[in-house]
Amino acid sequence: MGKRYFPKTDYRLATIKIESLEASGIKGVILDLDNTIVSEDDRYLSPGAEAWIKQAKLAGFKFYILSNGKRRYRVKYWSYRLDIPAINPAKKPFPFAFWKAIKLMKLKPKQVVVIGDSRHTDVLGAWLVGCPSIQVATLPHPFRWWEKLFGKRVQTPYPLAHELEDFDANSYPT
Protein backbone atom coordinates (compact mmCIF):
# COMPACT_ATOMS: atom_id res chain seq x y z
CA MET A 1 0.00 0.00 0.00
CA GLY A 2 1.06 3.60 -0.63
CA LYS A 3 2.24 6.26 1.76
CA ARG A 4 -0.33 7.27 4.31
CA TYR A 5 0.35 10.99 4.23
CA PHE A 6 2.20 13.56 2.20
CA PRO A 7 4.22 16.06 4.22
CA LYS A 8 1.91 18.35 6.17
CA THR A 9 1.01 21.80 4.91
CA ASP A 10 -0.75 24.30 7.10
CA TYR A 11 -3.77 22.03 6.62
CA ARG A 12 -5.69 23.96 3.93
CA LEU A 13 -6.43 22.69 0.42
CA ALA A 14 -5.08 25.83 -1.26
CA THR A 15 -1.69 25.41 0.43
CA ILE A 16 -0.98 21.98 -1.05
CA LYS A 17 1.88 22.37 -3.52
CA ILE A 18 0.79 21.19 -6.95
CA GLU A 19 4.45 20.87 -7.95
CA SER A 20 5.04 18.48 -5.03
CA LEU A 21 2.15 16.31 -6.16
CA GLU A 22 3.52 16.25 -9.72
CA ALA A 23 7.01 15.41 -8.45
CA SER A 24 5.53 12.49 -6.49
CA GLY A 25 3.92 11.02 -9.60
CA ILE A 26 0.39 12.08 -8.71
CA LYS A 27 -1.93 12.52 -11.71
CA GLY A 28 -5.35 12.37 -10.07
CA VAL A 29 -7.13 13.78 -7.03
CA ILE A 30 -10.08 12.38 -5.13
CA LEU A 31 -11.65 15.19 -3.12
CA ASP A 32 -14.01 15.12 -0.19
CA LEU A 33 -16.73 17.79 -0.30
CA ASP A 34 -18.19 18.37 3.18
CA ASN A 35 -15.89 20.38 5.45
CA THR A 36 -13.05 20.10 2.93
CA ILE A 37 -14.34 22.38 0.14
CA VAL A 38 -17.50 23.76 1.76
CA SER A 39 -18.71 23.42 5.35
CA GLU A 40 -21.56 20.97 5.68
CA ASP A 41 -23.78 23.74 7.08
CA ASP A 42 -22.99 25.80 3.96
CA ARG A 43 -21.51 28.73 5.88
CA TYR A 44 -17.91 28.63 4.66
CA LEU A 45 -15.80 27.85 1.61
CA SER A 46 -12.22 26.72 1.97
CA PRO A 47 -10.29 29.87 0.99
CA GLY A 48 -8.60 29.54 -2.37
CA ALA A 49 -9.95 26.02 -2.98
CA GLU A 50 -11.66 26.81 -6.26
CA ALA A 51 -8.58 28.60 -7.63
CA TRP A 52 -6.37 25.69 -6.49
CA ILE A 53 -8.62 23.17 -8.28
CA LYS A 54 -8.57 25.28 -11.45
CA GLN A 55 -4.77 25.53 -11.31
CA ALA A 56 -4.41 21.77 -10.74
CA LYS A 57 -6.69 21.06 -13.70
CA LEU A 58 -4.56 23.34 -15.87
CA ALA A 59 -1.55 21.29 -14.75
CA GLY A 60 -3.32 18.18 -16.10
CA PHE A 61 -4.70 16.61 -12.91
CA LYS A 62 -7.86 14.50 -13.12
CA PHE A 63 -10.46 14.92 -10.36
CA TYR A 64 -13.31 13.09 -8.67
CA ILE A 65 -15.46 14.11 -5.71
CA LEU A 66 -16.49 11.38 -3.28
CA SER A 67 -19.13 12.49 -0.83
CA ASN A 68 -21.06 10.77 1.92
CA GLY A 69 -23.33 13.84 2.12
CA LYS A 70 -27.02 13.13 2.40
CA ARG A 71 -28.16 16.23 0.49
CA ARG A 72 -27.58 15.11 -3.08
CA TYR A 73 -28.52 18.49 -4.56
CA ARG A 74 -25.44 19.97 -2.84
CA VAL A 75 -23.15 17.36 -4.35
CA LYS A 76 -24.68 17.93 -7.80
CA TYR A 77 -24.31 21.69 -7.38
CA TRP A 78 -20.62 21.47 -6.42
CA SER A 79 -19.91 18.86 -9.08
CA TYR A 80 -21.32 21.26 -11.68
CA ARG A 81 -19.74 24.40 -10.19
CA LEU A 82 -16.27 22.81 -9.99
CA ASP A 83 -16.73 20.78 -13.19
CA ILE A 84 -15.69 17.61 -11.37
CA PRO A 85 -17.61 14.33 -11.58
CA ALA A 86 -18.93 13.06 -8.25
CA ILE A 87 -19.97 9.82 -6.63
CA ASN A 88 -22.68 10.19 -3.99
CA PRO A 89 -23.34 8.44 -1.74
CA ALA A 90 -19.76 7.22 -1.68
CA LYS A 91 -20.11 5.21 1.54
CA LYS A 92 -16.55 6.04 2.55
CA PRO A 93 -14.36 4.46 3.89
CA PHE A 94 -15.57 1.38 2.00
CA PRO A 95 -13.37 1.05 -1.08
CA PHE A 96 -16.01 0.68 -3.82
CA ALA A 97 -16.34 4.38 -4.72
CA PHE A 98 -12.58 4.89 -4.46
CA TRP A 99 -11.98 2.01 -6.89
CA LYS A 100 -14.65 3.35 -9.26
CA ALA A 101 -13.12 6.86 -9.31
CA ILE A 102 -9.60 5.46 -9.83
CA LYS A 103 -10.82 3.25 -12.67
CA LEU A 104 -12.73 6.11 -14.35
CA MET A 105 -9.64 8.33 -14.12
CA LYS A 106 -7.68 5.47 -15.75
CA LEU A 107 -4.94 5.71 -13.14
CA LYS A 108 -3.25 3.44 -10.61
CA PRO A 109 -3.91 3.97 -6.88
CA LYS A 110 -0.38 5.27 -6.27
CA GLN A 111 -1.05 7.99 -8.89
CA VAL A 112 -4.15 9.29 -7.06
CA VAL A 113 -4.09 11.32 -3.86
CA VAL A 114 -7.15 11.46 -1.62
CA ILE A 115 -7.68 14.84 0.02
CA GLY A 116 -10.19 15.22 2.83
CA ASP A 117 -10.74 16.32 6.39
CA SER A 118 -11.58 12.99 7.98
CA ARG A 119 -9.26 10.24 9.22
CA HIS A 120 -12.06 7.69 9.53
CA THR A 121 -13.50 8.14 6.01
CA ASP A 122 -11.05 9.86 3.64
CA VAL A 123 -7.66 8.77 5.01
CA LEU A 124 -8.84 5.26 5.92
CA GLY A 125 -10.51 4.80 2.53
CA ALA A 126 -7.34 5.93 0.76
CA TRP A 127 -5.28 3.48 2.79
CA LEU A 128 -7.66 0.61 1.99
CA VAL A 129 -7.14 1.07 -1.77
CA GLY A 130 -3.44 1.97 -1.63
CA CYS A 131 -3.68 5.69 -2.40
CA PRO A 132 -1.64 8.35 -0.65
CA SER A 133 -3.71 10.86 1.31
CA ILE A 134 -3.58 14.37 2.64
CA GLN A 135 -5.71 15.30 5.61
CA VAL A 136 -6.70 18.97 5.62
CA ALA A 137 -8.22 20.88 8.50
CA THR A 138 -11.97 20.58 8.79
CA LEU A 139 -13.94 23.74 8.10
CA PRO A 140 -15.96 24.94 11.11
CA HIS A 141 -19.28 23.09 11.33
CA PRO A 142 -21.79 22.02 13.99
CA PHE A 143 -20.88 18.98 16.06
CA ARG A 144 -22.23 15.73 14.66
CA TRP A 145 -24.11 13.36 16.95
CA TRP A 146 -21.14 11.03 17.32
CA GLU A 147 -18.79 13.94 18.03
CA LYS A 148 -21.14 15.02 20.79
CA LEU A 149 -21.09 11.47 22.13
CA PHE A 150 -17.27 11.46 22.31
CA GLY A 151 -17.12 15.11 23.34
CA LYS A 152 -14.55 16.05 20.69
CA ARG A 153 -13.91 16.24 16.99
CA VAL A 154 -11.76 13.61 15.31
CA GLN A 155 -10.61 15.96 12.57
CA THR A 156 -7.84 18.54 12.67
CA PRO A 157 -9.46 21.87 13.57
CA TYR A 158 -9.27 24.75 11.13
CA PRO A 159 -6.42 27.13 12.05
CA LEU A 160 -7.87 30.10 13.95
CA ALA A 161 -5.34 32.51 12.46
CA HIS A 162 -6.72 31.98 8.93
CA GLU A 163 -9.72 33.72 7.43
CA LEU A 164 -12.69 31.85 6.04
CA GLU A 165 -14.67 32.58 2.89
CA ASP A 166 -18.39 32.99 3.46
CA PHE A 167 -20.76 31.04 1.23
CA ASP A 168 -24.37 31.94 0.50
CA ALA A 169 -26.38 28.73 0.50
CA ASN A 170 -29.15 30.61 -1.31
CA SER A 171 -27.14 30.07 -4.49
CA TYR A 172 -28.31 26.44 -4.57
CA PRO A 173 -31.01 26.00 -7.22
CA THR A 174 -34.44 25.32 -5.75
C-alpha atoms as a PDB file:
ATOM      1  CA  MET A   1       0.000   0.000   0.000  1.00  0.00           C
ATOM      2  CA  GLY A   2       1.060   3.603  -0.629  1.00  0.00           C
ATOM      3  CA  LYS A   3       2.240   6.264   1.760  1.00  0.00           C
ATOM      4  CA  ARG A   4      -0.327   7.271   4.309  1.00  0.00           C
ATOM      5  CA  TYR A   5       0.355  10.993   4.227  1.00  0.00           C
ATOM      6  CA  PHE A   6       2.198  13.564   2.196  1.00  0.00           C
ATOM      7  CA  PRO A   7       4.220  16.059   4.218  1.00  0.00           C
ATOM      8  CA  LYS A   8       1.911  18.355   6.166  1.00  0.00           C
ATOM      9  CA  THR A   9       1.013  21.796   4.912  1.00  0.00           C
ATOM     10  CA  ASP A  10      -0.754  24.297   7.097  1.00  0.00           C
ATOM     11  CA  TYR A  11      -3.774  22.027   6.618  1.00  0.00           C
ATOM     12  CA  ARG A  12      -5.688  23.958   3.930  1.00  0.00           C
ATOM     13  CA  LEU A  13      -6.434  22.688   0.420  1.00  0.00           C
ATOM     14  CA  ALA A  14      -5.078  25.834  -1.262  1.00  0.00           C
ATOM     15  CA  THR A  15      -1.690  25.406   0.433  1.00  0.00           C
ATOM     16  CA  ILE A  16      -0.981  21.982  -1.050  1.00  0.00           C
ATOM     17  CA  LYS A  17       1.877  22.372  -3.523  1.00  0.00           C
ATOM     18  CA  ILE A  18       0.794  21.192  -6.951  1.00  0.00           C
ATOM     19  CA  GLU A  19       4.451  20.867  -7.954  1.00  0.00           C
ATOM     20  CA  SER A  20       5.041  18.482  -5.031  1.00  0.00           C
ATOM     21  CA  LEU A  21       2.152  16.308  -6.162  1.00  0.00           C
ATOM     22  CA  GLU A  22       3.524  16.248  -9.717  1.00  0.00           C
ATOM     23  CA  ALA A  23       7.014  15.408  -8.453  1.00  0.00           C
ATOM     24  CA  SER A  24       5.528  12.492  -6.488  1.00  0.00           C
ATOM     25  CA  GLY A  25       3.923  11.023  -9.598  1.00  0.00           C
ATOM     26  CA  ILE A  26       0.388  12.076  -8.714  1.00  0.00           C
ATOM     27  CA  LYS A  27      -1.925  12.521 -11.706  1.00  0.00           C
ATOM     28  CA  GLY A  28      -5.351  12.369 -10.065  1.00  0.00           C
ATOM     29  CA  VAL A  29      -7.126  13.776  -7.028  1.00  0.00           C
ATOM     30  CA  ILE A  30     -10.082  12.381  -5.127  1.00  0.00           C
ATOM     31  CA  LEU A  31     -11.648  15.189  -3.116  1.00  0.00           C
ATOM     32  CA  ASP A  32     -14.014  15.116  -0.191  1.00  0.00           C
ATOM     33  CA  LEU A  33     -16.732  17.791  -0.300  1.00  0.00           C
ATOM     34  CA  ASP A  34     -18.192  18.371   3.179  1.00  0.00           C
ATOM     35  CA  ASN A  35     -15.892  20.376   5.451  1.00  0.00           C
ATOM     36  CA  THR A  36     -13.054  20.097   2.927  1.00  0.00           C
ATOM     37  CA  ILE A  37     -14.344  22.382   0.141  1.00  0.00           C
ATOM     38  CA  VAL A  38     -17.504  23.764   1.756  1.00  0.00           C
ATOM     39  CA  SER A  39     -18.709  23.420   5.351  1.00  0.00           C
ATOM     40  CA  GLU A  40     -21.557  20.968   5.679  1.00  0.00           C
ATOM     41  CA  ASP A  41     -23.783  23.736   7.079  1.00  0.00           C
ATOM     42  CA  ASP A  42     -22.989  25.801   3.955  1.00  0.00           C
ATOM     43  CA  ARG A  43     -21.505  28.726   5.879  1.00  0.00           C
ATOM     44  CA  TYR A  44     -17.911  28.626   4.663  1.00  0.00           C
ATOM     45  CA  LEU A  45     -15.799  27.853   1.615  1.00  0.00           C
ATOM     46  CA  SER A  46     -12.223  26.721   1.969  1.00  0.00           C
ATOM     47  CA  PRO A  47     -10.288  29.871   0.991  1.00  0.00           C
ATOM     48  CA  GLY A  48      -8.596  29.541  -2.371  1.00  0.00           C
ATOM     49  CA  ALA A  49      -9.949  26.018  -2.978  1.00  0.00           C
ATOM     50  CA  GLU A  50     -11.661  26.812  -6.265  1.00  0.00           C
ATOM     51  CA  ALA A  51      -8.584  28.605  -7.629  1.00  0.00           C
ATOM     52  CA  TRP A  52      -6.374  25.686  -6.495  1.00  0.00           C
ATOM     53  CA  ILE A  53      -8.625  23.168  -8.284  1.00  0.00           C
ATOM     54  CA  LYS A  54      -8.566  25.280 -11.452  1.00  0.00           C
ATOM     55  CA  GLN A  55      -4.765  25.532 -11.310  1.00  0.00           C
ATOM     56  CA  ALA A  56      -4.411  21.767 -10.742  1.00  0.00           C
ATOM     57  CA  LYS A  57      -6.689  21.057 -13.700  1.00  0.00           C
ATOM     58  CA  LEU A  58      -4.560  23.338 -15.875  1.00  0.00           C
ATOM     59  CA  ALA A  59      -1.552  21.287 -14.746  1.00  0.00           C
ATOM     60  CA  GLY A  60      -3.324  18.180 -16.097  1.00  0.00           C
ATOM     61  CA  PHE A  61      -4.705  16.612 -12.913  1.00  0.00           C
ATOM     62  CA  LYS A  62      -7.862  14.502 -13.116  1.00  0.00           C
ATOM     63  CA  PHE A  63     -10.461  14.922 -10.364  1.00  0.00           C
ATOM     64  CA  TYR A  64     -13.308  13.093  -8.673  1.00  0.00           C
ATOM     65  CA  ILE A  65     -15.462  14.114  -5.706  1.00  0.00           C
ATOM     66  CA  LEU A  66     -16.488  11.376  -3.281  1.00  0.00           C
ATOM     67  CA  SER A  67     -19.133  12.487  -0.830  1.00  0.00           C
ATOM     68  CA  ASN A  68     -21.060  10.768   1.920  1.00  0.00           C
ATOM     69  CA  GLY A  69     -23.332  13.838   2.121  1.00  0.00           C
ATOM     70  CA  LYS A  70     -27.022  13.126   2.401  1.00  0.00           C
ATOM     71  CA  ARG A  71     -28.163  16.226   0.489  1.00  0.00           C
ATOM     72  CA  ARG A  72     -27.576  15.106  -3.081  1.00  0.00           C
ATOM     73  CA  TYR A  73     -28.518  18.490  -4.564  1.00  0.00           C
ATOM     74  CA  ARG A  74     -25.437  19.972  -2.837  1.00  0.00           C
ATOM     75  CA  VAL A  75     -23.148  17.358  -4.348  1.00  0.00           C
ATOM     76  CA  LYS A  76     -24.677  17.928  -7.796  1.00  0.00           C
ATOM     77  CA  TYR A  77     -24.313  21.694  -7.384  1.00  0.00           C
ATOM     78  CA  TRP A  78     -20.624  21.474  -6.425  1.00  0.00           C
ATOM     79  CA  SER A  79     -19.909  18.859  -9.080  1.00  0.00           C
ATOM     80  CA  TYR A  80     -21.323  21.259 -11.679  1.00  0.00           C
ATOM     81  CA  ARG A  81     -19.735  24.395 -10.194  1.00  0.00           C
ATOM     82  CA  LEU A  82     -16.272  22.814  -9.993  1.00  0.00           C
ATOM     83  CA  ASP A  83     -16.728  20.778 -13.195  1.00  0.00           C
ATOM     84  CA  ILE A  84     -15.691  17.607 -11.369  1.00  0.00           C
ATOM     85  CA  PRO A  85     -17.610  14.326 -11.583  1.00  0.00           C
ATOM     86  CA  ALA A  86     -18.929  13.064  -8.253  1.00  0.00           C
ATOM     87  CA  ILE A  87     -19.967   9.822  -6.631  1.00  0.00           C
ATOM     88  CA  ASN A  88     -22.676  10.191  -3.994  1.00  0.00           C
ATOM     89  CA  PRO A  89     -23.342   8.437  -1.737  1.00  0.00           C
ATOM     90  CA  ALA A  90     -19.762   7.220  -1.682  1.00  0.00           C
ATOM     91  CA  LYS A  91     -20.114   5.210   1.540  1.00  0.00           C
ATOM     92  CA  LYS A  92     -16.554   6.035   2.553  1.00  0.00           C
ATOM     93  CA  PRO A  93     -14.363   4.461   3.886  1.00  0.00           C
ATOM     94  CA  PHE A  94     -15.569   1.379   2.005  1.00  0.00           C
ATOM     95  CA  PRO A  95     -13.369   1.046  -1.085  1.00  0.00           C
ATOM     96  CA  PHE A  96     -16.014   0.677  -3.822  1.00  0.00           C
ATOM     97  CA  ALA A  97     -16.344   4.381  -4.720  1.00  0.00           C
ATOM     98  CA  PHE A  98     -12.576   4.886  -4.463  1.00  0.00           C
ATOM     99  CA  TRP A  99     -11.980   2.012  -6.893  1.00  0.00           C
ATOM    100  CA  LYS A 100     -14.647   3.345  -9.259  1.00  0.00           C
ATOM    101  CA  ALA A 101     -13.117   6.856  -9.306  1.00  0.00           C
ATOM    102  CA  ILE A 102      -9.602   5.459  -9.831  1.00  0.00           C
ATOM    103  CA  LYS A 103     -10.822   3.255 -12.674  1.00  0.00           C
ATOM    104  CA  LEU A 104     -12.727   6.112 -14.346  1.00  0.00           C
ATOM    105  CA  MET A 105      -9.642   8.329 -14.121  1.00  0.00           C
ATOM    106  CA  LYS A 106      -7.681   5.466 -15.751  1.00  0.00           C
ATOM    107  CA  LEU A 107      -4.939   5.714 -13.141  1.00  0.00           C
ATOM    108  CA  LYS A 108      -3.252   3.437 -10.606  1.00  0.00           C
ATOM    109  CA  PRO A 109      -3.909   3.968  -6.881  1.00  0.00           C
ATOM    110  CA  LYS A 110      -0.384   5.268  -6.274  1.00  0.00           C
ATOM    111  CA  GLN A 111      -1.053   7.987  -8.889  1.00  0.00           C
ATOM    112  CA  VAL A 112      -4.149   9.290  -7.063  1.00  0.00           C
ATOM    113  CA  VAL A 113      -4.089  11.318  -3.862  1.00  0.00           C
ATOM    114  CA  VAL A 114      -7.147  11.463  -1.622  1.00  0.00           C
ATOM    115  CA  ILE A 115      -7.680  14.844   0.024  1.00  0.00           C
ATOM    116  CA  GLY A 116     -10.194  15.222   2.831  1.00  0.00           C
ATOM    117  CA  ASP A 117     -10.738  16.324   6.394  1.00  0.00           C
ATOM    118  CA  SER A 118     -11.579  12.986   7.979  1.00  0.00           C
ATOM    119  CA  ARG A 119      -9.264  10.241   9.219  1.00  0.00           C
ATOM    120  CA  HIS A 120     -12.057   7.692   9.530  1.00  0.00           C
ATOM    121  CA  THR A 121     -13.501   8.141   6.007  1.00  0.00           C
ATOM    122  CA  ASP A 122     -11.048   9.856   3.643  1.00  0.00           C
ATOM    123  CA  VAL A 123      -7.664   8.765   5.005  1.00  0.00           C
ATOM    124  CA  LEU A 124      -8.837   5.257   5.922  1.00  0.00           C
ATOM    125  CA  GLY A 125     -10.512   4.799   2.531  1.00  0.00           C
ATOM    126  CA  ALA A 126      -7.343   5.929   0.760  1.00  0.00           C
ATOM    127  CA  TRP A 127      -5.276   3.482   2.794  1.00  0.00           C
ATOM    128  CA  LEU A 128      -7.661   0.607   1.993  1.00  0.00           C
ATOM    129  CA  VAL A 129      -7.140   1.073  -1.770  1.00  0.00           C
ATOM    130  CA  GLY A 130      -3.441   1.966  -1.626  1.00  0.00           C
ATOM    131  CA  CYS A 131      -3.683   5.691  -2.399  1.00  0.00           C
ATOM    132  CA  PRO A 132      -1.636   8.347  -0.648  1.00  0.00           C
ATOM    133  CA  SER A 133      -3.713  10.860   1.305  1.00  0.00           C
ATOM    134  CA  ILE A 134      -3.580  14.373   2.644  1.00  0.00           C
ATOM    135  CA  GLN A 135      -5.712  15.299   5.613  1.00  0.00           C
ATOM    136  CA  VAL A 136      -6.697  18.969   5.615  1.00  0.00           C
ATOM    137  CA  ALA A 137      -8.222  20.882   8.497  1.00  0.00           C
ATOM    138  CA  THR A 138     -11.975  20.580   8.788  1.00  0.00           C
ATOM    139  CA  LEU A 139     -13.937  23.736   8.105  1.00  0.00           C
ATOM    140  CA  PRO A 140     -15.962  24.939  11.110  1.00  0.00           C
ATOM    141  CA  HIS A 141     -19.282  23.085  11.329  1.00  0.00           C
ATOM    142  CA  PRO A 142     -21.786  22.024  13.987  1.00  0.00           C
ATOM    143  CA  PHE A 143     -20.877  18.982  16.059  1.00  0.00           C
ATOM    144  CA  ARG A 144     -22.227  15.730  14.657  1.00  0.00           C
ATOM    145  CA  TRP A 145     -24.113  13.356  16.945  1.00  0.00           C
ATOM    146  CA  TRP A 146     -21.136  11.027  17.318  1.00  0.00           C
ATOM    147  CA  GLU A 147     -18.786  13.939  18.034  1.00  0.00           C
ATOM    148  CA  LYS A 148     -21.145  15.020  20.789  1.00  0.00           C
ATOM    149  CA  LEU A 149     -21.087  11.471  22.132  1.00  0.00           C
ATOM    150  CA  PHE A 150     -17.269  11.457  22.310  1.00  0.00           C
ATOM    151  CA  GLY A 151     -17.120  15.114  23.341  1.00  0.00           C
ATOM    152  CA  LYS A 152     -14.555  16.054  20.694  1.00  0.00           C
ATOM    153  CA  ARG A 153     -13.906  16.236  16.993  1.00  0.00           C
ATOM    154  CA  VAL A 154     -11.760  13.609  15.315  1.00  0.00           C
ATOM    155  CA  GLN A 155     -10.605  15.961  12.572  1.00  0.00           C
ATOM    156  CA  THR A 156      -7.837  18.536  12.669  1.00  0.00           C
ATOM    157  CA  PRO A 157      -9.465  21.874  13.575  1.00  0.00           C
ATOM    158  CA  TYR A 158      -9.266  24.752  11.127  1.00  0.00           C
ATOM    159  CA  PRO A 159      -6.420  27.131  12.052  1.00  0.00           C
ATOM    160  CA  LEU A 160      -7.873  30.097  13.952  1.00  0.00           C
ATOM    161  CA  ALA A 161      -5.339  32.506  12.457  1.00  0.00           C
ATOM    162  CA  HIS A 162      -6.723  31.985   8.926  1.00  0.00           C
ATOM    163  CA  GLU A 163      -9.723  33.718   7.430  1.00  0.00           C
ATOM    164  CA  LEU A 164     -12.692  31.852   6.036  1.00  0.00           C
ATOM    165  CA  GLU A 165     -14.670  32.583   2.886  1.00  0.00           C
ATOM    166  CA  ASP A 166     -18.394  32.992   3.458  1.00  0.00           C
ATOM    167  CA  PHE A 167     -20.763  31.039   1.229  1.00  0.00           C
ATOM    168  CA  ASP A 168     -24.366  31.939   0.504  1.00  0.00           C
ATOM    169  CA  ALA A 169     -26.377  28.728   0.496  1.00  0.00           C
ATOM    170  CA  ASN A 170     -29.151  30.615  -1.313  1.00  0.00           C
ATOM    171  CA  SER A 171     -27.139  30.068  -4.493  1.00  0.00           C
ATOM    172  CA  TYR A 172     -28.313  26.442  -4.573  1.00  0.00           C
ATOM    173  CA  PRO A 173     -31.015  25.998  -7.222  1.00  0.00           C
ATOM    174  CA  THR A 174     -34.441  25.322  -5.752  1.00  0.00           C
END
